[in-house]
Protein backbone atom coordinates (compact mmCIF):
# COMPACT_ATOMS: atom_id res chain seq x y z
CA MET A 1 12.16 7.87 -33.58
CA TYR A 2 11.41 7.66 -37.30
CA ALA A 3 7.91 7.36 -38.74
CA MET A 4 6.96 3.75 -39.49
CA THR A 5 5.69 2.54 -42.82
CA PRO A 6 2.39 0.61 -42.77
CA GLU A 7 4.35 -2.54 -43.60
CA GLU A 8 6.62 -2.06 -40.59
CA MET A 9 3.60 -1.55 -38.35
CA VAL A 10 1.93 -4.73 -39.60
CA SER A 11 5.20 -6.66 -39.20
CA ARG A 12 5.03 -5.94 -35.46
CA LEU A 13 1.71 -7.75 -35.08
CA LEU A 14 1.97 -10.67 -32.65
CA TYR A 15 -1.71 -11.62 -32.27
CA ARG A 16 -5.00 -10.81 -33.98
CA ASP A 17 -8.61 -11.81 -33.52
CA GLY A 18 -11.97 -10.08 -33.84
CA LEU A 19 -11.63 -8.09 -30.61
CA MET A 20 -7.95 -7.67 -29.86
CA LEU A 21 -4.53 -7.09 -31.38
CA VAL A 22 -1.20 -7.48 -29.61
CA ILE A 23 1.77 -5.72 -31.16
CA ASP A 24 5.48 -5.69 -30.37
CA LYS A 25 6.11 -2.09 -29.33
CA PRO A 26 9.57 -0.77 -30.23
CA ALA A 27 11.65 0.91 -27.54
CA GLY A 28 12.10 4.66 -27.86
CA MET A 29 8.66 5.51 -29.21
CA ALA A 30 5.77 6.93 -27.17
CA VAL A 31 2.51 5.02 -27.50
CA HIS A 32 0.46 8.23 -27.82
CA ASN A 33 0.99 11.93 -28.40
CA GLY A 34 2.05 13.79 -25.28
CA PRO A 35 1.92 17.53 -24.53
CA LYS A 36 5.15 18.05 -26.50
CA GLY A 37 3.70 16.46 -29.64
CA GLY A 38 5.89 14.47 -32.01
CA ILE A 39 5.46 11.11 -33.69
CA SER A 40 3.85 8.34 -31.64
CA LEU A 41 2.98 4.70 -32.22
CA GLN A 42 -0.72 5.57 -32.23
CA ASP A 43 -0.21 7.65 -35.37
CA HIS A 44 0.38 4.40 -37.29
CA PHE A 45 -2.62 2.36 -36.10
CA ASP A 46 -4.55 2.96 -39.32
CA ALA A 47 -2.43 0.19 -40.86
CA LEU A 48 -4.02 -2.20 -38.33
CA ARG A 49 -7.70 -1.70 -39.22
CA PHE A 50 -7.87 -4.98 -41.23
CA GLY A 51 -11.18 -4.05 -42.79
CA LEU A 52 -12.78 -2.27 -39.84
CA PRO A 53 -13.96 1.33 -40.28
CA ARG A 54 -11.72 2.75 -37.54
CA PRO A 55 -8.19 2.01 -36.31
CA PRO A 56 -7.73 0.12 -33.04
CA GLY A 57 -7.16 1.91 -29.74
CA LEU A 58 -4.82 1.48 -26.79
CA ALA A 59 -6.10 -0.83 -24.07
CA HIS A 60 -3.19 0.13 -21.77
CA ARG A 61 0.17 1.93 -21.89
CA LEU A 62 3.88 1.17 -21.98
CA ASP A 63 6.61 3.70 -21.26
CA ARG A 64 8.36 5.28 -24.24
CA ASP A 65 11.57 3.31 -23.61
CA THR A 66 9.89 -0.02 -22.79
CA SER A 67 9.49 -2.58 -25.58
CA GLY A 68 7.21 -5.58 -26.00
CA CYS A 69 3.59 -6.69 -25.74
CA LEU A 70 1.09 -3.88 -26.21
CA VAL A 71 -2.64 -4.69 -26.30
CA LEU A 72 -5.05 -2.86 -28.62
CA GLY A 73 -8.83 -3.09 -28.76
CA ARG A 74 -10.25 -3.23 -32.27
CA HIS A 75 -13.41 -1.23 -31.53
CA ARG A 76 -15.19 0.59 -28.70
CA LYS A 77 -16.89 -2.47 -27.18
CA ALA A 78 -13.61 -4.42 -27.22
CA LEU A 79 -11.76 -1.55 -25.56
CA ALA A 80 -14.38 -1.40 -22.80
CA GLN A 81 -14.05 -5.15 -22.18
CA LEU A 82 -10.24 -5.04 -22.15
CA GLY A 83 -10.24 -1.95 -19.94
CA LYS A 84 -12.34 -3.78 -17.37
CA LEU A 85 -9.94 -6.76 -17.41
CA PHE A 86 -6.94 -4.48 -16.87
CA ARG A 87 -8.65 -2.54 -14.06
CA ASN A 88 -9.64 -5.74 -12.29
CA GLY A 89 -6.11 -7.19 -12.46
CA ALA A 90 -7.30 -10.12 -14.58
CA ILE A 91 -4.53 -9.74 -17.17
CA ALA A 92 -1.16 -11.27 -16.24
CA LYS A 93 1.97 -9.46 -17.42
CA THR A 94 5.59 -10.56 -17.20
CA TYR A 95 8.47 -8.24 -17.97
CA TRP A 96 12.12 -9.08 -18.47
CA ALA A 97 14.67 -6.64 -17.09
CA VAL A 98 18.43 -6.44 -16.69
CA VAL A 99 19.19 -4.71 -13.40
CA GLU A 100 22.33 -3.32 -11.80
CA GLY A 101 23.35 -5.47 -8.88
CA GLY A 102 20.36 -7.60 -8.04
CA PRO A 103 18.70 -9.40 -5.15
CA ASP A 104 20.55 -12.03 -3.13
CA ALA A 105 17.53 -14.36 -3.11
CA ASP A 106 16.16 -16.17 -6.16
CA GLU A 107 12.59 -14.87 -5.94
CA GLY A 108 10.40 -12.64 -3.85
CA GLU A 109 7.78 -9.92 -3.74
CA ILE A 110 7.93 -6.15 -3.32
CA ALA A 111 4.98 -4.42 -1.63
CA MET A 112 5.77 -0.71 -1.70
CA PRO A 113 3.08 1.99 -2.12
CA LEU A 114 3.79 4.65 -4.74
CA GLY A 115 2.81 8.30 -5.10
CA ARG A 116 3.62 11.25 -7.34
CA LEU A 117 7.12 12.63 -6.84
CA ASP A 118 6.01 16.16 -7.63
CA ALA A 119 2.70 17.37 -9.03
CA ASN A 120 4.65 19.64 -11.37
CA ILE A 121 6.91 16.93 -12.88
CA GLY A 122 4.70 14.84 -15.12
CA TRP A 123 4.49 11.16 -14.21
CA TRP A 124 7.59 10.74 -12.04
CA MET A 125 6.84 8.55 -9.03
CA LYS A 126 8.36 7.72 -5.64
CA HIS A 127 7.89 5.35 -2.72
CA ASP A 128 5.18 6.94 -0.57
CA PRO A 129 3.84 5.10 2.51
CA GLN A 130 0.60 7.05 2.04
CA GLY A 131 0.45 6.32 -1.69
CA LEU A 132 -1.46 3.72 -3.70
CA PRO A 133 -0.65 0.03 -3.09
CA ALA A 134 1.90 -1.38 -5.53
CA VAL A 135 3.03 -5.02 -5.57
CA THR A 136 5.64 -6.66 -7.82
CA ARG A 137 6.59 -10.34 -7.86
CA TRP A 138 10.11 -11.07 -9.10
CA LYS A 139 12.31 -14.03 -9.99
CA ALA A 140 16.04 -14.08 -10.76
CA MET A 141 16.45 -15.80 -14.13
CA GLY A 142 20.23 -15.48 -14.42
CA ARG A 143 23.27 -13.52 -13.29
CA GLY A 144 26.08 -12.15 -15.40
CA PRO A 145 29.32 -10.20 -15.31
CA GLU A 146 29.52 -6.56 -14.27
CA LYS A 147 27.12 -7.36 -11.40
CA LEU A 148 24.09 -7.56 -13.69
CA THR A 149 21.02 -9.72 -13.04
CA TRP A 150 18.27 -10.86 -15.41
CA LEU A 151 14.91 -10.64 -13.66
CA ALA A 152 11.39 -11.67 -14.56
CA LEU A 153 9.04 -9.08 -13.07
CA GLU A 154 5.30 -9.57 -12.63
CA PRO A 155 3.41 -6.41 -11.63
CA LEU A 156 0.37 -7.42 -9.59
CA THR A 157 -0.80 -3.80 -9.65
CA GLY A 158 -0.53 -1.31 -12.49
CA ARG A 159 1.04 1.86 -11.12
CA THR A 160 2.94 4.26 -13.36
CA HIS A 161 6.68 3.39 -13.50
CA GLN A 162 6.05 0.70 -10.86
CA LEU A 163 8.80 -1.71 -11.91
CA ARG A 164 11.35 1.05 -12.34
CA VAL A 165 10.68 2.63 -8.94
CA HIS A 166 10.50 -0.71 -7.12
CA GLY A 167 13.82 -1.82 -8.57
CA ALA A 168 15.53 1.45 -7.72
CA GLU A 169 14.14 1.47 -4.17
CA MET A 170 15.35 -2.10 -3.62
CA GLY A 171 18.88 -1.08 -4.64
CA TRP A 172 18.88 -2.76 -8.06
CA PRO A 173 17.74 -0.18 -10.61
CA ILE A 174 16.96 -1.23 -14.16
CA LEU A 175 19.98 -0.73 -16.39
CA GLY A 176 19.58 2.30 -18.64
CA ASP A 177 17.03 4.06 -16.40
CA SER A 178 17.96 7.75 -16.48
CA ILE A 179 15.10 8.81 -14.17
CA TYR A 180 15.25 6.36 -11.27
CA GLY A 181 18.57 4.62 -11.95
CA THR A 182 22.18 5.62 -12.53
CA ALA A 183 22.15 6.09 -16.31
CA PRO A 184 23.03 9.54 -17.68
CA ARG A 185 20.30 11.53 -19.41
CA THR A 186 22.04 11.06 -22.75
CA GLY A 187 24.61 8.59 -24.03
CA GLY A 188 23.84 5.72 -21.67
CA PRO A 189 22.56 2.24 -22.56
CA PRO A 190 18.89 1.93 -23.63
CA LEU A 191 16.44 0.99 -20.89
CA GLN A 192 16.65 -2.77 -20.34
CA LEU A 193 12.93 -3.40 -19.75
CA HIS A 194 10.79 -5.55 -22.04
CA ALA A 195 7.13 -6.58 -21.77
CA ARG A 196 7.82 -10.24 -22.50
CA ASP A 197 4.49 -12.03 -21.93
CA ILE A 198 0.86 -11.14 -21.55
CA VAL A 199 -2.05 -13.47 -20.74
CA VAL A 200 -5.55 -12.19 -21.52
CA PRO A 201 -8.70 -14.11 -20.44
CA LEU A 202 -10.78 -12.49 -23.16
CA TYR A 203 -13.32 -15.24 -23.91
CA LYS A 204 -15.40 -17.02 -21.28
CA ASN A 205 -15.33 -20.47 -22.85
CA ARG A 206 -11.80 -20.46 -24.26
CA ALA A 207 -8.35 -20.67 -22.75
CA PRO A 208 -6.69 -17.32 -22.00
CA ILE A 209 -4.72 -15.84 -24.88
CA HIS A 210 -0.97 -16.01 -24.18
CA VAL A 211 1.30 -13.80 -26.28
CA THR A 212 5.11 -13.51 -26.11
CA ALA A 213 7.19 -10.72 -27.64
CA PRO A 214 10.69 -11.49 -28.98
CA VAL A 215 13.67 -10.02 -27.18
CA PRO A 216 14.62 -6.70 -28.80
CA PRO A 217 18.11 -6.23 -30.27
CA HIS A 218 19.17 -3.72 -27.61
CA MET A 219 18.71 -6.31 -24.83
CA ARG A 220 20.14 -9.43 -26.45
CA GLU A 221 23.80 -8.94 -25.53
CA ARG A 222 23.24 -8.44 -21.80
CA LEU A 223 20.61 -11.17 -21.53
CA LEU A 224 22.95 -13.64 -23.23
CA ALA A 225 25.67 -12.63 -20.74
CA CYS A 226 23.20 -13.41 -17.93
CA GLY A 227 22.45 -16.92 -19.21
CA TRP A 228 19.62 -16.47 -21.69
CA GLN A 229 19.89 -19.09 -24.43
CA GLY A 230 18.48 -17.05 -27.30
CA GLU A 231 15.42 -17.88 -29.37
CA ASP A 232 14.20 -18.64 -32.87
CA SER A 233 12.65 -15.50 -34.36
CA SER A 234 10.39 -17.61 -36.61
CA ALA A 235 8.46 -18.63 -33.49
CA PHE A 236 6.94 -15.14 -33.32
CA SER A 237 4.86 -15.15 -36.48
CA VAL A 238 1.36 -13.75 -36.09
CA HIS A 239 -1.06 -15.99 -34.23
CA SER A 240 -4.37 -14.98 -35.75
CA ARG A 241 -7.70 -16.50 -34.84
CA GLU A 242 -9.24 -14.83 -37.89
CA ALA A 243 -6.64 -16.34 -40.21
CA ALA A 244 -7.07 -19.78 -38.69
CA ALA A 245 -10.84 -19.57 -39.07
CA ALA A 246 -10.46 -18.62 -42.73
CA GLN A 247 -8.45 -21.73 -43.57
């Protein structure tokens, strides 16, 4: 993944207020530096200070190959508040995925505990009856050719790789998943998983903040084939409480 310019980083801003930013994470870029090093999204957060003395920090994580809504806290106190909301399950997240095959029903719930696949293999996970509880709510949004299904996935818990493992264990792996699915390690389609919506109850006396990330280019073709109607990209301009207050 190439290094972003500050302008590109700012162009990915979906929401901004005094405590929180939400950005549209690109697929194929790690959110932070791992043990192998390399460029990460976090390396470009200085462009998102907007007058504050320090860059924002990650309030949660998305996989390298997952795109969409990523929440940042603008300072230490904000990160602590957001971290508490994430830990308590107060933040609602909806992902869009294109899966191979798909469920016969139109909606349902997966309750399948997860544990580490192998202590020596990073973050790979597996279904483990003795593992931590993991629950995913799903809804079939459309079905397409080549036995593909467009799903909306709502993780009610926040386990590593939860949606990817749950889909694979149910027999409908996410298209492009080279770890849990059928995709080859190289040369296959990009992972078809997108953090579409996030709802954050950040302020006690205000409505929760609802942010939607536009569908990325690498998912448009298959979503359209599954019945998605497309969207107007102009609808995703930055919603900024600070900007509104300044007017």
